[in-house]
């Protein structure tokens, strides 16, 4: 038996941001954009693999 889903309206989508520790992050006030780290600096380069 399937559990009923909580239907959300496409006009009001809900966005949940999860941090590295797996906990949900709270929304900011919009001033955090100036301190935001670019994605390219957040992702580590993969290690070289011997073949």
PDB file of N, CA and C in Angstrom:
ATOM      1  N   UNK A   1       0.844  -1.189   0.000  1.00  0.00           N
ATOM      2  CA  UNK A   1       0.000   0.000   0.000  1.00  0.00           C
ATOM      3  C   UNK A   1       0.881   1.241   0.000  1.00  0.00           C
ATOM      4  N   UNK A   2       0.533   2.191  -0.821  1.00  0.00           N
ATOM      5  CA  UNK A   2       1.317   3.412  -0.944  1.00  0.00           C
ATOM      6  C   UNK A   2       0.802   4.475   0.018  1.00  0.00           C
ATOM      7  N   UNK A   3       1.750   5.200   0.617  1.00  0.00           N
ATOM      8  CA  UNK A   3       1.383   6.292   1.519  1.00  0.00           C
ATOM      9  C   UNK A   3       0.980   7.503   0.683  1.00  0.00           C
ATOM     10  N   UNK A   4      -0.037   8.240   1.107  1.00  0.00           N
ATOM     11  CA  UNK A   4      -0.418   9.447   0.343  1.00  0.00           C
ATOM     12  C   UNK A   4       0.688  10.491   0.395  1.00  0.00           C
ATOM     13  N   UNK A   5       0.916  11.125  -0.737  1.00  0.00           N
ATOM     14  CA  UNK A   5       1.945  12.161  -0.814  1.00  0.00           C
ATOM     15  C   UNK A   5       1.336  13.515  -0.520  1.00  0.00           C
ATOM     16  N   UNK A   6       2.164  14.385   0.015  1.00  0.00           N
ATOM     17  CA  UNK A   6       1.741  15.763   0.237  1.00  0.00           C
ATOM     18  C   UNK A   6       1.941  16.504  -1.081  1.00  0.00           C
ATOM     19  N   UNK A   7       0.867  16.742  -1.807  1.00  0.00           N
ATOM     20  CA  UNK A   7       0.952  17.403  -3.110  1.00  0.00           C
ATOM     21  C   UNK A   7       1.321  18.869  -2.928  1.00  0.00           C
ATOM     22  N   UNK A   8       2.294  19.318  -3.689  1.00  0.00           N
ATOM     23  CA  UNK A   8       2.721  20.718  -3.641  1.00  0.00           C
ATOM     24  C   UNK A   8       2.353  21.383  -4.952  1.00  0.00           C
ATOM     25  N   UNK A   9       2.006  22.618  -4.861  1.00  0.00           N
ATOM     26  CA  UNK A   9       1.633  23.393  -6.029  1.00  0.00           C
ATOM     27  C   UNK A   9       2.876  23.767  -6.825  1.00  0.00           C
ATOM     28  N   UNK A  10       2.847  23.661  -8.169  1.00  0.00           N
ATOM     29  CA  UNK A  10       4.015  24.069  -8.972  1.00  0.00           C
ATOM     30  C   UNK A  10       4.334  25.554  -8.829  1.00  0.00           C
ATOM     31  N   UNK A  11       3.348  26.355  -8.411  1.00  0.00           N
ATOM     32  CA  UNK A  11       3.590  27.784  -8.246  1.00  0.00           C
ATOM     33  C   UNK A  11       4.396  28.078  -6.986  1.00  0.00           C
ATOM     34  N   UNK A  12       4.371  27.177  -6.008  1.00  0.00           N
ATOM     35  CA  UNK A  12       5.063  27.389  -4.732  1.00  0.00           C
ATOM     36  C   UNK A  12       5.980  26.208  -4.421  1.00  0.00           C
ATOM     37  N   UNK A  13       7.047  26.013  -5.192  1.00  0.00           N
ATOM     38  CA  UNK A  13       7.931  24.873  -4.922  1.00  0.00           C
ATOM     39  C   UNK A  13       8.682  25.068  -3.609  1.00  0.00           C
ATOM     40  N   UNK A  14       8.991  23.957  -2.952  1.00  0.00           N
ATOM     41  CA  UNK A  14       9.749  24.006  -1.704  1.00  0.00           C
ATOM     42  C   UNK A  14      11.165  23.540  -1.994  1.00  0.00           C
ATOM     43  N   UNK A  15      12.156  24.334  -1.583  1.00  0.00           N
ATOM     44  CA  UNK A  15      13.556  24.010  -1.807  1.00  0.00           C
ATOM     45  C   UNK A  15      14.206  23.753  -0.462  1.00  0.00           C
ATOM     46  N   UNK A  16      14.898  22.621  -0.355  1.00  0.00           N
ATOM     47  CA  UNK A  16      15.588  22.264   0.874  1.00  0.00           C
ATOM     48  C   UNK A  16      17.070  22.131   0.559  1.00  0.00           C
ATOM     49  N   UNK A  17      17.904  22.895   1.251  1.00  0.00           N
ATOM     50  CA  UNK A  17      19.347  22.849   1.057  1.00  0.00           C
ATOM     51  C   UNK A  17      19.941  22.065   2.217  1.00  0.00           C
ATOM     52  N   UNK A  18      20.735  21.028   1.878  1.00  0.00           N
ATOM     53  CA  UNK A  18      21.335  20.170   2.890  1.00  0.00           C
ATOM     54  C   UNK A  18      22.832  20.418   2.913  1.00  0.00           C
ATOM     55  N   UNK A  19      23.383  20.645   4.095  1.00  0.00           N
ATOM     56  CA  UNK A  19      24.811  20.895   4.256  1.00  0.00           C
ATOM     57  C   UNK A  19      25.618  19.612   4.223  1.00  0.00           C
ATOM     58  N   UNK A  20      26.934  19.738   4.321  1.00  0.00           N
ATOM     59  CA  UNK A  20      27.835  18.591   4.268  1.00  0.00           C
ATOM     60  C   UNK A  20      27.600  17.615   5.408  1.00  0.00           C
ATOM     61  N   UNK A  21      27.087  18.097   6.529  1.00  0.00           N
ATOM     62  CA  UNK A  21      26.830  17.224   7.667  1.00  0.00           C
ATOM     63  C   UNK A  21      25.472  16.537   7.579  1.00  0.00           C
ATOM     64  N   UNK A  22      24.713  16.781   6.516  1.00  0.00           N
ATOM     65  CA  UNK A  22      23.426  16.145   6.316  1.00  0.00           C
ATOM     66  C   UNK A  22      22.269  16.881   6.958  1.00  0.00           C
ATOM     67  N   UNK A  23      22.529  18.017   7.573  1.00  0.00           N
ATOM     68  CA  UNK A  23      21.483  18.796   8.227  1.00  0.00           C
ATOM     69  C   UNK A  23      20.968  19.871   7.274  1.00  0.00           C
ATOM     70  N   UNK A  24      19.684  20.160   7.371  1.00  0.00           N
ATOM     71  CA  UNK A  24      19.087  21.195   6.527  1.00  0.00           C
ATOM     72  C   UNK A  24      19.601  22.563   6.950  1.00  0.00           C
ATOM     73  N   UNK A  25      19.906  23.404   5.962  1.00  0.00           N
ATOM     74  CA  UNK A  25      20.377  24.756   6.233  1.00  0.00           C
ATOM     75  C   UNK A  25      19.190  25.703   6.232  1.00  0.00           C
ATOM     76  N   UNK A  26      19.252  26.733   7.060  1.00  0.00           N
ATOM     77  CA  UNK A  26      18.176  27.716   7.106  1.00  0.00           C
ATOM     78  C   UNK A  26      18.373  28.747   6.013  1.00  0.00           C
ATOM     79  N   UNK A  27      17.296  29.401   5.636  1.00  0.00           N
ATOM     80  CA  UNK A  27      17.355  30.431   4.602  1.00  0.00           C
ATOM     81  C   UNK A  27      18.044  31.671   5.109  1.00  0.00           C
ATOM     82  N   UNK A  28      18.695  32.373   4.204  1.00  0.00           N
ATOM     83  CA  UNK A  28      19.390  33.601   4.570  1.00  0.00           C
ATOM     84  C   UNK A  28      18.535  34.816   4.275  1.00  0.00           C
ATOM     85  N   UNK A  29      19.131  35.971   4.459  1.00  0.00           N
ATOM     86  CA  UNK A  29      18.402  37.210   4.212  1.00  0.00           C
ATOM     87  C   UNK A  29      18.772  37.839   2.876  1.00  0.00           C
ATOM     88  N   UNK A  30      19.545  37.146   2.048  1.00  0.00           N
ATOM     89  CA  UNK A  30      19.902  37.667   0.733  1.00  0.00           C
ATOM     90  C   UNK A  30      21.246  38.349   0.691  1.00  0.00           C
ATOM     91  N   UNK A  31      21.828  38.695   1.844  1.00  0.00           N
ATOM     92  CA  UNK A  31      23.128  39.353   1.873  1.00  0.00           C
ATOM     93  C   UNK A  31      24.283  38.360   1.781  1.00  0.00           C
ATOM     94  N   UNK A  32      23.976  37.075   1.778  1.00  0.00           N
ATOM     95  CA  UNK A  32      25.021  36.053   1.767  1.00  0.00           C
ATOM     96  C   UNK A  32      25.631  35.849   0.390  1.00  0.00           C
ATOM     97  N   UNK A  33      25.050  36.426  -0.650  1.00  0.00           N
ATOM     98  CA  UNK A  33      25.558  36.239  -2.003  1.00  0.00           C
ATOM     99  C   UNK A  33      26.982  36.748  -2.149  1.00  0.00           C
ATOM    100  N   UNK A  34      27.343  37.797  -1.424  1.00  0.00           N
ATOM    101  CA  UNK A  34      28.680  38.361  -1.540  1.00  0.00           C
ATOM    102  C   UNK A  34      29.731  37.447  -0.904  1.00  0.00           C
ATOM    103  N   UNK A  35      29.317  36.579   0.021  1.00  0.00           N
ATOM    104  CA  UNK A  35      30.249  35.668   0.690  1.00  0.00           C
ATOM    105  C   UNK A  35      30.173  34.255   0.129  1.00  0.00           C
ATOM    106  N   UNK A  36      29.394  34.044  -0.908  1.00  0.00           N
ATOM    107  CA  UNK A  36      29.195  32.711  -1.454  1.00  0.00           C
ATOM    108  C   UNK A  36      30.458  32.216  -2.154  1.00  0.00           C
ATOM    109  N   UNK A  37      30.837  30.974  -1.896  1.00  0.00           N
ATOM    110  CA  UNK A  37      32.013  30.365  -2.517  1.00  0.00           C
ATOM    111  C   UNK A  37      31.588  29.770  -3.859  1.00  0.00           C
ATOM    112  N   UNK A  38      32.319  30.063  -4.938  1.00  0.00           N
ATOM    113  CA  UNK A  38      31.968  29.496  -6.243  1.00  0.00           C
ATOM    114  C   UNK A  38      32.039  27.969  -6.221  1.00  0.00           C
ATOM    115  N   UNK A  39      31.190  27.343  -7.015  1.00  0.00           N
ATOM    116  CA  UNK A  39      31.136  25.885  -7.073  1.00  0.00           C
ATOM    117  C   UNK A  39      32.485  25.301  -7.476  1.00  0.00           C
ATOM    118  N   UNK A  40      33.207  25.980  -8.360  1.00  0.00           N
ATOM    119  CA  UNK A  40      34.497  25.461  -8.812  1.00  0.00           C
ATOM    120  C   UNK A  40      35.509  25.371  -7.678  1.00  0.00           C
ATOM    121  N   UNK A  41      35.340  26.166  -6.629  1.00  0.00           N
ATOM    122  CA  UNK A  41      36.242  26.095  -5.479  1.00  0.00           C
ATOM    123  C   UNK A  41      35.754  25.101  -4.430  1.00  0.00           C
ATOM    124  N   UNK A  42      34.503  24.670  -4.517  1.00  0.00           N
ATOM    125  CA  UNK A  42      33.951  23.721  -3.562  1.00  0.00           C
ATOM    126  C   UNK A  42      34.250  22.277  -3.944  1.00  0.00           C
ATOM    127  N   UNK A  43      34.454  22.020  -5.235  1.00  0.00           N
ATOM    128  CA  UNK A  43      34.647  20.658  -5.722  1.00  0.00           C
ATOM    129  C   UNK A  43      36.131  20.371  -5.858  1.00  0.00           C
ATOM    130  N   UNK A  44      36.571  19.263  -5.248  1.00  0.00           N
ATOM    131  CA  UNK A  44      37.975  18.872  -5.363  1.00  0.00           C
ATOM    132  C   UNK A  44      38.202  18.159  -6.689  1.00  0.00           C
ATOM    133  N   UNK A  45      39.420  18.246  -7.191  1.00  0.00           N
ATOM    134  CA  UNK A  45      39.772  17.539  -8.407  1.00  0.00           C
ATOM    135  C   UNK A  45      39.933  16.055  -8.089  1.00  0.00           C
ATOM    136  N   UNK A  46      39.473  15.180  -8.970  1.00  0.00           N
ATOM    137  CA  UNK A  46      39.623  13.745  -8.703  1.00  0.00           C
ATOM    138  C   UNK A  46      41.091  13.329  -8.748  1.00  0.00           C
ATOM    139  N   UNK A  47      41.442  12.357  -7.941  1.00  0.00           N
ATOM    140  CA  UNK A  47      42.814  11.855  -7.914  1.00  0.00           C
ATOM    141  C   UNK A  47      43.102  11.071  -9.196  1.00  0.00           C
ATOM    142  N   UNK A  48      44.364  11.100  -9.619  1.00  0.00           N
ATOM    143  CA  UNK A  48      44.743  10.332 -10.801  1.00  0.00           C
ATOM    144  C   UNK A  48      44.780   8.853 -10.433  1.00  0.00           C
ATOM    145  N   UNK A  49      44.337   8.029 -11.355  1.00  0.00           N
ATOM    146  CA  UNK A  49      44.259   6.594 -11.113  1.00  0.00           C
ATOM    147  C   UNK A  49      45.275   5.892 -11.999  1.00  0.00           C
ATOM    148  N   UNK A  50      46.057   5.013 -11.395  1.00  0.00           N
ATOM    149  CA  UNK A  50      47.016   4.234 -12.193  1.00  0.00           C
ATOM    150  C   UNK A  50      46.251   3.171 -12.962  1.00  0.00           C
ATOM    151  N   UNK A  51      46.615   3.004 -14.220  1.00  0.00           N
ATOM    152  CA  UNK A  51      45.948   1.983 -15.039  1.00  0.00           C
ATOM    153  C   UNK A  51      46.897   0.879 -15.374  1.00  0.00           C
TER     154      UNK A  51
END
